[in-house]
N, C-alpha and C. Protein backbone atom coordinates (compact mmCIF):
# COMPACT_ATOMS: atom_id res chain seq x y z
N MET A 1 34.84 -41.09 -1.28
CA MET A 1 34.67 -39.53 -1.18
C MET A 1 35.88 -38.73 -1.96
N LYS A 2 37.25 -39.34 -1.59
CA LYS A 2 38.40 -38.75 -2.09
C LYS A 2 38.35 -38.55 -3.68
N THR A 3 38.11 -39.81 -4.30
CA THR A 3 38.01 -39.71 -5.50
C THR A 3 37.07 -38.80 -6.34
N ASP A 4 36.15 -38.71 -5.66
CA ASP A 4 34.94 -37.64 -5.86
C ASP A 4 35.54 -36.12 -5.70
N LYS A 5 36.17 -35.89 -4.67
CA LYS A 5 37.09 -34.56 -4.73
C LYS A 5 37.87 -34.54 -5.74
N ARG A 6 38.65 -35.41 -5.71
CA ARG A 6 39.92 -35.70 -7.07
C ARG A 6 38.93 -35.34 -8.29
N LEU A 7 37.64 -35.85 -8.91
CA LEU A 7 37.30 -35.45 -9.89
C LEU A 7 36.81 -34.34 -10.13
N ASP A 8 36.10 -33.84 -8.72
CA ASP A 8 35.55 -32.44 -9.16
C ASP A 8 36.74 -31.52 -8.94
N ALA A 9 38.06 -31.89 -8.45
CA ALA A 9 39.09 -31.03 -8.88
C ALA A 9 39.76 -30.66 -9.93
N ARG A 10 39.57 -32.17 -10.96
CA ARG A 10 40.16 -31.73 -11.93
C ARG A 10 38.99 -31.34 -13.03
N LEU A 11 37.53 -31.58 -12.76
CA LEU A 11 36.77 -30.67 -13.54
C LEU A 11 37.02 -29.31 -13.50
N VAL A 12 37.27 -29.04 -12.09
CA VAL A 12 37.07 -27.21 -11.85
C VAL A 12 38.51 -26.76 -12.69
N LYS A 13 39.61 -27.35 -12.66
CA LYS A 13 40.79 -27.35 -13.37
C LYS A 13 40.63 -27.15 -14.83
N ALA A 14 39.71 -28.10 -15.13
CA ALA A 14 39.81 -28.29 -16.68
C ALA A 14 38.82 -26.72 -17.24
N TYR A 15 37.90 -26.68 -16.40
CA TYR A 15 36.94 -25.51 -16.71
C TYR A 15 37.96 -24.19 -16.48
N GLN A 16 38.73 -23.98 -15.60
CA GLN A 16 39.51 -22.74 -15.37
C GLN A 16 40.29 -22.69 -16.75
N SER A 17 40.71 -23.82 -16.95
CA SER A 17 41.47 -23.66 -18.31
C SER A 17 40.74 -23.45 -19.77
N GLY A 18 39.32 -23.59 -19.34
CA GLY A 18 38.65 -22.97 -20.83
C GLY A 18 38.25 -24.39 -21.60
N ASP A 19 37.90 -25.57 -20.65
CA ASP A 19 37.56 -26.66 -21.16
C ASP A 19 35.48 -26.30 -20.55
N GLN A 20 34.59 -25.99 -21.80
CA GLN A 20 33.28 -25.72 -21.54
C GLN A 20 32.65 -27.17 -20.88
N LYS A 21 32.78 -27.92 -21.44
CA LYS A 21 32.61 -29.88 -21.33
C LYS A 21 32.84 -30.00 -19.77
N ALA A 22 33.93 -29.63 -18.88
CA ALA A 22 33.85 -29.54 -17.77
C ALA A 22 33.07 -29.35 -17.14
N LEU A 23 32.44 -28.18 -17.26
CA LEU A 23 31.19 -27.32 -16.66
C LEU A 23 29.87 -28.22 -16.67
N ALA A 24 29.98 -28.41 -18.05
CA ALA A 24 28.46 -29.55 -17.70
C ALA A 24 29.01 -30.77 -17.32
N ALA A 25 30.10 -31.32 -16.79
CA ALA A 25 30.19 -32.52 -15.68
C ALA A 25 29.95 -32.34 -14.96
N LEU A 26 30.33 -31.07 -14.06
CA LEU A 26 29.96 -30.36 -12.83
C LEU A 26 28.60 -30.17 -12.72
N VAL A 27 27.87 -29.63 -13.47
CA VAL A 27 26.42 -29.52 -13.38
C VAL A 27 25.75 -30.94 -13.47
N LYS A 28 26.05 -32.17 -14.53
CA LYS A 28 25.41 -33.16 -14.23
C LYS A 28 25.69 -33.84 -12.99
N ARG A 29 26.78 -33.69 -12.36
CA ARG A 29 27.53 -34.50 -11.05
C ARG A 29 26.59 -33.59 -10.11
N TRP A 30 26.06 -32.47 -9.81
CA TRP A 30 26.19 -31.38 -8.78
C TRP A 30 24.67 -31.14 -8.57
N HIS A 31 23.79 -31.10 -9.77
CA HIS A 31 22.54 -30.25 -9.91
C HIS A 31 21.69 -30.83 -9.10
N LEU A 32 21.19 -32.33 -9.09
CA LEU A 32 20.16 -32.81 -8.10
C LEU A 32 20.91 -32.32 -6.65
N ALA A 33 22.20 -32.53 -6.34
CA ALA A 33 22.50 -32.57 -4.82
C ALA A 33 22.15 -31.08 -5.05
N PHE A 34 22.27 -30.25 -5.44
CA PHE A 34 21.69 -28.92 -4.91
C PHE A 34 20.25 -28.90 -4.91
N CYS A 35 19.51 -29.20 -5.88
CA CYS A 35 18.21 -29.03 -5.89
C CYS A 35 17.89 -30.04 -4.46
N ASN A 36 18.35 -31.18 -3.84
CA ASN A 36 17.72 -31.73 -2.99
C ASN A 36 18.12 -30.97 -1.64
N LYS A 37 19.38 -30.30 -1.70
CA LYS A 37 19.77 -29.36 -0.18
C LYS A 37 18.63 -28.46 -0.33
N ALA A 38 18.60 -27.40 -1.40
CA ALA A 38 17.36 -26.20 -1.26
C ALA A 38 16.29 -27.12 -0.84
N PHE A 39 15.82 -28.01 -1.34
CA PHE A 39 14.50 -28.78 -0.76
C PHE A 39 14.33 -28.50 0.55
N TRP A 40 15.46 -29.53 0.82
CA TRP A 40 15.63 -29.81 2.63
C TRP A 40 15.72 -28.33 3.33
N LEU A 41 15.79 -27.62 2.54
CA LEU A 41 15.77 -26.38 3.73
C LEU A 41 14.41 -25.26 3.36
N VAL A 42 14.04 -25.48 1.94
CA VAL A 42 12.79 -24.29 1.46
C VAL A 42 11.56 -25.43 1.69
N LYS A 43 11.68 -26.54 1.59
CA LYS A 43 10.37 -27.81 1.20
C LYS A 43 9.47 -26.68 0.25
N ASP A 44 9.83 -26.51 -0.69
CA ASP A 44 9.46 -26.31 -1.59
C ASP A 44 9.93 -26.53 -3.10
N ALA A 45 9.73 -27.73 -4.28
CA ALA A 45 10.02 -27.80 -5.47
C ALA A 45 10.66 -26.98 -6.01
N ASP A 46 9.53 -26.14 -6.82
CA ASP A 46 9.95 -25.44 -7.57
C ASP A 46 11.11 -23.91 -7.29
N VAL A 47 10.60 -23.77 -6.03
CA VAL A 47 11.71 -22.70 -5.18
C VAL A 47 13.32 -23.55 -5.18
N SER A 48 13.41 -24.96 -4.82
CA SER A 48 14.87 -25.45 -4.70
C SER A 48 14.93 -25.38 -5.92
N LYS A 49 14.80 -25.40 -7.34
CA LYS A 49 14.96 -25.63 -8.43
C LYS A 49 15.87 -24.01 -8.75
N ASP A 50 14.57 -23.42 -8.30
CA ASP A 50 15.54 -21.72 -8.32
C ASP A 50 16.67 -21.43 -7.79
N ILE A 51 16.74 -22.18 -6.70
CA ILE A 51 17.68 -22.08 -5.97
C ILE A 51 19.08 -22.42 -6.47
N ALA A 52 18.95 -23.54 -7.22
CA ALA A 52 19.72 -24.38 -7.73
C ALA A 52 20.32 -23.54 -9.22
N GLN A 53 19.17 -22.93 -9.93
CA GLN A 53 19.95 -22.22 -11.14
C GLN A 53 20.40 -21.29 -10.61
N GLU A 54 20.00 -20.55 -9.52
CA GLU A 54 20.97 -19.08 -8.85
C GLU A 54 22.24 -19.33 -8.47
N THR A 55 22.45 -20.85 -7.87
CA THR A 55 23.71 -21.50 -7.40
C THR A 55 24.78 -21.46 -8.48
N TRP A 56 24.06 -22.26 -9.71
CA TRP A 56 25.01 -22.05 -11.15
C TRP A 56 25.59 -20.92 -11.44
N ARG A 57 24.40 -19.97 -11.63
CA ARG A 57 24.63 -18.74 -11.71
C ARG A 57 26.12 -18.01 -11.24
N THR A 58 25.78 -18.29 -9.78
CA THR A 58 27.07 -17.64 -8.68
C THR A 58 28.44 -18.41 -9.27
N ILE A 59 28.18 -19.96 -9.66
CA ILE A 59 29.67 -20.91 -9.44
C ILE A 59 30.03 -20.16 -10.68
N ILE A 60 29.20 -20.24 -11.94
CA ILE A 60 30.05 -19.74 -13.03
C ILE A 60 30.71 -18.60 -13.08
N SER A 61 30.17 -17.75 -12.31
CA SER A 61 30.84 -16.16 -12.15
C SER A 61 31.93 -16.40 -11.45
N LYS A 62 32.21 -17.16 -10.47
CA LYS A 62 33.13 -16.97 -9.36
C LYS A 62 34.34 -18.39 -9.60
N LEU A 63 33.64 -18.96 -10.50
CA LEU A 63 34.78 -20.72 -10.44
C LEU A 63 35.81 -20.27 -10.69
N GLU A 64 36.16 -18.93 -11.52
CA GLU A 64 37.81 -18.65 -12.13
C GLU A 64 38.47 -18.58 -10.82
N THR A 65 37.82 -18.27 -9.83
CA THR A 65 38.58 -17.47 -8.59
C THR A 65 39.01 -18.66 -7.68
N LEU A 66 38.05 -19.88 -7.36
CA LEU A 66 38.03 -20.87 -6.49
C LEU A 66 39.72 -21.40 -6.56
N LYS A 67 40.22 -21.11 -5.27
CA LYS A 67 41.78 -21.57 -5.21
C LYS A 67 42.01 -22.64 -4.86
N ASN A 68 41.28 -23.55 -3.98
CA ASN A 68 41.12 -24.81 -4.05
C ASN A 68 40.27 -25.28 -4.53
N PRO A 69 40.67 -26.13 -5.98
CA PRO A 69 39.46 -26.88 -6.65
C PRO A 69 38.65 -28.51 -6.00
N SER A 70 39.52 -28.79 -5.02
CA SER A 70 39.21 -29.73 -4.28
C SER A 70 37.88 -29.54 -3.26
N SER A 71 38.01 -28.29 -2.96
CA SER A 71 36.89 -28.17 -1.95
C SER A 71 35.70 -27.58 -2.78
N PHE A 72 35.28 -27.72 -4.23
CA PHE A 72 34.55 -27.37 -4.81
C PHE A 72 32.87 -27.95 -4.48
N GLY A 73 32.81 -29.25 -3.90
CA GLY A 73 31.49 -29.47 -3.23
C GLY A 73 31.28 -28.51 -1.91
N ASN A 74 32.14 -28.48 -0.91
CA ASN A 74 31.54 -27.66 0.22
C ASN A 74 31.44 -26.37 -0.16
N TRP A 75 32.14 -25.91 -1.03
CA TRP A 75 32.23 -24.36 -1.41
C TRP A 75 30.53 -23.87 -2.07
N ALA A 76 30.44 -25.20 -2.88
CA ALA A 76 29.07 -24.90 -3.96
C ALA A 76 27.95 -25.11 -2.75
N LEU A 77 28.07 -26.13 -1.93
CA LEU A 77 27.06 -26.24 -0.92
C LEU A 77 26.76 -25.30 0.13
N ARG A 78 27.95 -24.78 0.37
CA ARG A 78 27.73 -23.39 0.96
C ARG A 78 26.74 -22.26 0.40
N ILE A 79 27.06 -22.24 -1.08
CA ILE A 79 26.11 -21.02 -2.01
C ILE A 79 25.08 -21.97 -1.92
N VAL A 80 24.42 -22.64 -1.92
CA VAL A 80 23.19 -23.34 -1.96
C VAL A 80 22.48 -23.05 -1.00
N TYR A 81 23.08 -23.23 0.51
CA TYR A 81 22.91 -23.07 1.68
C TYR A 81 22.49 -21.27 2.04
N SER A 82 23.39 -20.79 1.74
CA SER A 82 23.24 -19.39 1.95
C SER A 82 21.90 -18.64 0.69
N LYS A 83 22.01 -19.10 -0.19
CA LYS A 83 20.80 -18.58 -1.27
C LYS A 83 19.55 -19.18 -0.65
N SER A 84 19.54 -20.26 -0.32
CA SER A 84 18.59 -20.71 0.17
C SER A 84 18.03 -20.27 1.82
N LEU A 85 18.89 -19.69 2.62
CA LEU A 85 18.44 -18.64 3.85
C LEU A 85 17.94 -17.26 3.16
N ASP A 86 18.62 -16.84 2.00
CA ASP A 86 18.18 -15.50 1.72
C ASP A 86 16.30 -15.57 1.00
N VAL A 87 16.27 -17.08 0.51
CA VAL A 87 15.00 -16.97 0.21
C VAL A 87 13.60 -17.13 1.42
N LEU A 88 14.66 -17.75 2.53
CA LEU A 88 13.75 -17.79 3.82
C LEU A 88 13.53 -16.86 4.34
N ARG A 89 14.37 -15.88 4.43
CA ARG A 89 14.55 -14.60 5.25
C ARG A 89 13.23 -13.69 4.33
N LYS A 90 13.26 -13.91 2.83
CA LYS A 90 12.53 -12.84 2.46
C LYS A 90 10.84 -13.50 2.22
N THR A 91 10.87 -14.86 2.05
CA THR A 91 9.48 -15.22 2.60
C THR A 91 8.98 -14.88 3.83
N ASP A 92 9.82 -15.00 5.00
CA ASP A 92 9.53 -14.63 6.66
C ASP A 92 9.12 -13.26 6.26
N LYS A 93 9.87 -12.24 5.62
CA LYS A 93 10.00 -10.75 5.39
C LYS A 93 8.61 -10.50 4.84
N ILE A 94 7.95 -10.94 4.11
CA ILE A 94 6.98 -10.85 3.18
C ILE A 94 5.90 -11.37 4.05
N LYS A 95 5.72 -12.33 4.93
CA LYS A 95 4.80 -13.00 5.82
C LYS A 95 4.82 -11.70 6.89
N ASN A 96 5.87 -11.17 7.36
CA ASN A 96 5.83 -10.66 8.45
C ASN A 96 5.00 -9.10 8.34
N GLN A 97 5.45 -8.81 6.91
CA GLN A 97 4.79 -7.43 6.28
C GLN A 97 3.25 -7.79 6.10
N GLN A 98 3.35 -8.98 5.69
CA GLN A 98 1.35 -8.79 5.37
C GLN A 98 0.97 -9.07 6.48
N GLN A 99 1.42 -10.12 7.57
CA GLN A 99 0.59 -9.61 9.30
C GLN A 99 0.54 -8.31 9.78
N ILE A 100 1.85 -7.39 9.38
CA ILE A 100 1.84 -6.20 9.92
C ILE A 100 0.20 -5.49 9.36
N LEU A 101 0.59 -5.86 7.81
CA LEU A 101 -0.63 -4.89 6.90
C LEU A 101 -2.33 -5.46 7.15
N ASP A 102 -2.13 -6.55 7.89
CA ASP A 102 -3.19 -7.43 8.29
C ASP A 102 -3.93 -6.57 9.68
N ARG A 103 -3.08 -6.96 10.39
CA ARG A 103 -3.51 -6.06 11.93
C ARG A 103 -3.61 -4.64 11.70
N GLU A 104 -2.73 -3.78 10.59
CA GLU A 104 -3.17 -2.16 10.85
C GLU A 104 -4.57 -2.33 9.96
N GLN A 105 -4.81 -2.96 9.08
CA GLN A 105 -6.20 -2.93 8.53
C GLN A 105 -7.21 -2.97 9.54
N ALA A 106 -7.14 -4.16 10.54
CA ALA A 106 -7.92 -4.52 11.40
C ALA A 106 -8.23 -3.51 12.39
N ILE A 107 -7.10 -2.76 12.70
CA ILE A 107 -7.06 -1.44 13.72
C ILE A 107 -7.87 -0.27 12.95
N ILE A 108 -7.36 -0.41 11.40
CA ILE A 108 -8.38 0.94 10.82
C ILE A 108 -9.76 0.66 10.81
N GLU A 109 -10.00 -0.57 10.75
CA GLU A 109 -11.57 -1.07 10.54
C GLU A 109 -12.25 -1.01 11.98
N GLU A 110 -11.51 -1.20 12.89
CA GLU A 110 -11.96 -0.76 14.22
C GLU A 110 -12.16 0.43 14.58
N GLY A 111 -11.02 1.06 14.12
CA GLY A 111 -11.21 2.90 14.38
C GLY A 111 -12.36 3.38 13.50
N ASN A 112 -12.51 2.73 12.39
CA ASN A 112 -13.69 3.47 11.79
C ASN A 112 -15.07 3.10 12.33
N ASP A 113 -15.07 1.60 13.11
CA ASP A 113 -16.41 1.60 13.64
C ASP A 113 -16.39 2.65 15.09
N GLU A 114 -15.51 2.89 15.58
CA GLU A 114 -15.40 3.65 16.62
C GLU A 114 -15.65 5.10 16.21
N ARG A 115 -15.32 5.52 15.18
CA ARG A 115 -15.26 6.70 15.03
C ARG A 115 -16.98 7.00 14.31
N GLU A 116 -17.48 6.08 13.58
CA GLU A 116 -18.87 5.95 13.26
C GLU A 116 -19.75 6.14 14.65
N GLU A 117 -19.64 5.66 15.43
CA GLU A 117 -20.40 5.49 16.81
C GLU A 117 -20.23 6.82 16.97
N LEU A 118 -18.99 7.39 17.37
CA LEU A 118 -18.49 8.41 18.41
C LEU A 118 -19.32 9.61 17.27
N LYS A 119 -19.33 9.54 16.05
CA LYS A 119 -19.63 10.46 14.80
C LYS A 119 -21.10 10.55 15.38
N THR A 120 -21.87 9.69 15.42
CA THR A 120 -23.57 9.25 15.56
C THR A 120 -23.70 10.09 16.76
N GLN A 121 -23.02 9.58 17.92
CA GLN A 121 -23.14 10.29 19.32
C GLN A 121 -22.95 11.77 19.51
N LEU A 122 -22.35 12.39 18.60
CA LEU A 122 -21.40 13.78 18.87
C LEU A 122 -22.48 14.93 17.92
N LEU A 123 -23.66 13.85 16.73
CA LEU A 123 -24.43 14.51 16.20
C LEU A 123 -25.48 14.69 16.96
N LYS A 124 -25.86 13.77 18.02
CA LYS A 124 -27.23 13.21 18.60
C LYS A 124 -26.77 14.50 19.96
N ALA A 125 -25.83 14.64 20.47
CA ALA A 125 -25.08 15.63 21.40
C ALA A 125 -25.40 17.12 20.63
N ILE A 126 -25.04 17.48 19.71
CA ILE A 126 -25.16 18.77 19.08
C ILE A 126 -26.63 18.87 19.07
N LYS A 127 -27.45 18.26 18.69
CA LYS A 127 -29.18 18.72 18.94
C LYS A 127 -29.60 18.80 20.44
N ASN A 128 -28.46 18.67 21.11
CA ASN A 128 -29.34 19.03 22.75
C ASN A 128 -28.76 20.27 22.86
N LEU A 129 -27.79 21.02 22.12
CA LEU A 129 -27.17 22.39 22.53
C LEU A 129 -28.31 23.28 22.03
N SER A 130 -28.11 24.34 22.18
CA SER A 130 -29.20 25.57 22.34
C SER A 130 -29.04 25.71 20.77
N VAL A 131 -30.12 26.29 20.06
CA VAL A 131 -30.11 26.72 18.43
C VAL A 131 -28.93 27.55 18.49
N GLN A 132 -28.51 28.56 19.21
CA GLN A 132 -27.21 29.29 18.88
C GLN A 132 -25.85 28.44 18.96
N GLN A 133 -26.01 27.99 19.77
CA GLN A 133 -24.66 27.22 20.28
C GLN A 133 -24.53 26.08 19.00
N GLN A 134 -25.39 25.56 18.61
CA GLN A 134 -25.58 24.80 17.25
C GLN A 134 -25.14 25.37 15.93
N ILE A 135 -25.57 26.62 15.98
CA ILE A 135 -25.08 27.32 14.71
C ILE A 135 -23.64 27.86 15.08
N VAL A 136 -23.05 28.20 16.13
CA VAL A 136 -21.88 28.56 16.02
C VAL A 136 -20.83 27.32 16.23
N ILE A 137 -21.07 26.29 16.71
CA ILE A 137 -20.46 24.86 16.57
C ILE A 137 -20.34 24.21 14.98
N ARG A 138 -21.21 24.11 13.97
CA ARG A 138 -21.63 24.08 12.57
C ARG A 138 -20.98 25.04 11.99
N LEU A 139 -20.64 26.21 12.10
CA LEU A 139 -20.15 27.06 11.31
C LEU A 139 -18.61 27.09 11.53
N PHE A 140 -18.11 26.68 12.90
CA PHE A 140 -16.68 26.43 13.16
C PHE A 140 -16.12 25.30 12.84
N TYR A 141 -16.53 24.09 12.75
CA TYR A 141 -16.02 22.55 12.81
C TYR A 141 -16.32 22.50 11.14
N LEU A 142 -17.84 22.54 10.99
CA LEU A 142 -18.18 22.15 9.72
C LEU A 142 -17.63 23.12 8.39
N GLU A 143 -18.35 24.39 8.65
CA GLU A 143 -17.64 25.13 7.60
C GLU A 143 -16.08 25.98 7.37
N ASP A 144 -15.68 25.74 8.74
CA ASP A 144 -14.21 25.90 8.94
C ASP A 144 -14.22 27.56 8.80
N TYR A 145 -15.22 27.90 9.66
CA TYR A 145 -15.32 30.00 9.49
C TYR A 145 -14.64 30.13 10.42
N SER A 146 -13.67 30.99 10.89
CA SER A 146 -13.14 31.65 11.90
C SER A 146 -14.35 32.35 12.99
N LEU A 147 -13.69 32.61 13.92
CA LEU A 147 -14.52 33.24 14.99
C LEU A 147 -14.88 35.00 14.35
N LYS A 148 -13.74 35.21 13.67
CA LYS A 148 -14.28 36.75 12.96
C LYS A 148 -15.43 36.14 12.04
N GLU A 149 -15.43 35.71 11.16
CA GLU A 149 -16.44 35.19 10.11
C GLU A 149 -17.27 34.84 10.92
N ILE A 150 -17.41 34.37 11.74
CA ILE A 150 -19.14 33.67 12.60
C ILE A 150 -19.46 34.98 12.97
N SER A 151 -18.41 35.80 13.68
CA SER A 151 -19.27 37.36 14.51
C SER A 151 -19.91 38.09 13.32
N LYS A 152 -19.15 38.49 12.37
CA LYS A 152 -19.70 38.91 10.90
C LYS A 152 -20.87 38.26 10.50
N THR A 153 -20.92 36.78 10.20
CA THR A 153 -22.35 36.12 9.73
C THR A 153 -23.40 36.46 10.47
N LEU A 154 -22.97 36.20 12.09
CA LEU A 154 -24.54 36.45 12.87
C LEU A 154 -24.68 37.84 13.66
N GLN A 155 -24.17 39.02 12.97
CA GLN A 155 -23.82 40.19 13.40
C GLN A 155 -23.78 40.27 14.94
N ILE A 156 -22.71 39.14 15.63
CA ILE A 156 -22.73 39.24 16.81
C ILE A 156 -21.01 39.64 17.27
N ASN A 157 -20.88 40.08 18.53
CA ASN A 157 -19.37 40.34 18.98
C ASN A 157 -18.70 39.13 18.48
N GLU A 158 -17.58 39.37 18.11
CA GLU A 158 -16.52 37.94 18.45
C GLU A 158 -16.25 37.47 19.89
N GLY A 159 -16.40 38.17 20.93
CA GLY A 159 -16.28 37.87 22.35
C GLY A 159 -17.45 37.02 22.43
N THR A 160 -18.73 36.87 21.98
CA THR A 160 -19.86 36.71 22.00
C THR A 160 -19.92 35.19 21.25
N ALA A 161 -19.17 35.19 20.12
CA ALA A 161 -19.05 33.98 19.49
C ALA A 161 -18.24 32.92 19.96
N LYS A 162 -17.12 33.69 20.29
CA LYS A 162 -15.93 32.61 21.43
C LYS A 162 -16.64 32.08 22.75
N SER A 163 -17.26 32.98 23.15
CA SER A 163 -18.29 32.40 24.43
C SER A 163 -19.28 31.38 24.08
N ARG A 164 -20.02 31.60 23.00
CA ARG A 164 -21.10 30.50 22.70
C ARG A 164 -20.22 29.26 22.22
N LEU A 165 -18.89 29.60 21.65
CA LEU A 165 -18.28 28.00 21.24
C LEU A 165 -17.79 27.51 22.27
N PHE A 166 -16.96 28.21 23.33
CA PHE A 166 -16.51 27.74 24.62
C PHE A 166 -17.59 26.78 25.21
N TYR A 167 -18.87 27.69 25.52
CA TYR A 167 -19.93 26.71 26.30
C TYR A 167 -20.16 25.90 25.16
N ALA A 168 -20.60 25.68 24.46
CA ALA A 168 -20.88 24.18 23.31
C ALA A 168 -20.01 23.13 23.46
N ARG A 169 -18.89 23.39 23.68
CA ARG A 169 -17.97 22.66 23.52
C ARG A 169 -17.82 21.77 24.98
N GLU A 170 -17.85 22.72 26.28
CA GLU A 170 -17.87 22.17 27.42
C GLU A 170 -19.35 21.11 27.54
N LYS A 171 -20.45 21.57 27.05
CA LYS A 171 -21.77 20.89 27.14
C LYS A 171 -21.69 19.69 26.25
N LEU A 172 -21.19 19.66 25.04
CA LEU A 172 -20.59 18.48 24.37
C LEU A 172 -20.09 17.57 25.10
N ARG A 173 -18.88 18.18 25.72
CA ARG A 173 -18.03 17.05 26.30
C ARG A 173 -18.39 16.63 27.44
N LYS A 174 -19.29 17.58 28.19
CA LYS A 174 -20.19 16.63 29.22
C LYS A 174 -21.26 15.59 28.76
N LEU A 175 -21.92 16.01 27.50
CA LEU A 175 -22.71 14.81 27.15
C LEU A 175 -22.20 13.67 26.42
N LEU A 176 -21.20 13.97 26.12
CA LEU A 176 -20.44 12.43 25.26
C LEU A 176 -19.54 11.80 26.41
N HIS A 177 -19.33 12.34 27.71
CA HIS A 177 -18.76 11.59 28.76
C HIS A 177 -19.76 10.77 29.44
N ASN A 178 -20.81 11.45 29.68
CA ASN A 178 -22.30 10.72 30.49
C ASN A 178 -21.99 9.45 29.50
N LYS A 179 -22.54 9.89 28.29
CA LYS A 179 -22.60 8.63 27.27
C LYS A 179 -21.57 7.48 27.22
N ARG A 180 -20.61 7.84 27.46
CA ARG A 180 -19.20 6.85 27.71
C ARG A 180 -19.35 6.01 29.02
N VAL A 181 -19.93 6.84 30.25
CA VAL A 181 -19.92 6.28 31.23
C VAL A 181 -21.07 5.16 31.52
N LYS A 182 -22.02 5.39 30.55
CA LYS A 182 -22.99 4.80 30.53
C LYS A 182 -22.95 3.28 30.12
């Protein structure tokens, strides 16, 4: 192994001196090891090849600054390991985000079912109100009339409109509560 470290050191020094063939020799020597290390971590052949390529990009950009050329192997494998962990984190993050989205969708669908049921119950309950209370409820909630507008439309006092709305709400509350209790 010492001879391997010596060979790596010679190739790194040669590359740092400007010999491009030395880089090709390093790639030939180490590329398969990078792919294997990445595959061992991520368990995906295509992704491991991508990690090896990214590792080479990093190595090429930083090889000039490597102070101890004989440590090339360990240094390069740490880069592979780091890039593999980045991919795993990103994959886990995407999976977690998808799980959160799936849970939120289930909650929304469940909520929609509950809202539809509540809406149906509410419409049935409104039919049990007096005609005067139904009109006030519909104008206030469905048509967005203010109490003042309701009083003008129905030609009643504003206090009477307010009172009808109050008693209609109370009756609805009791009717809906009784349905839930049953």
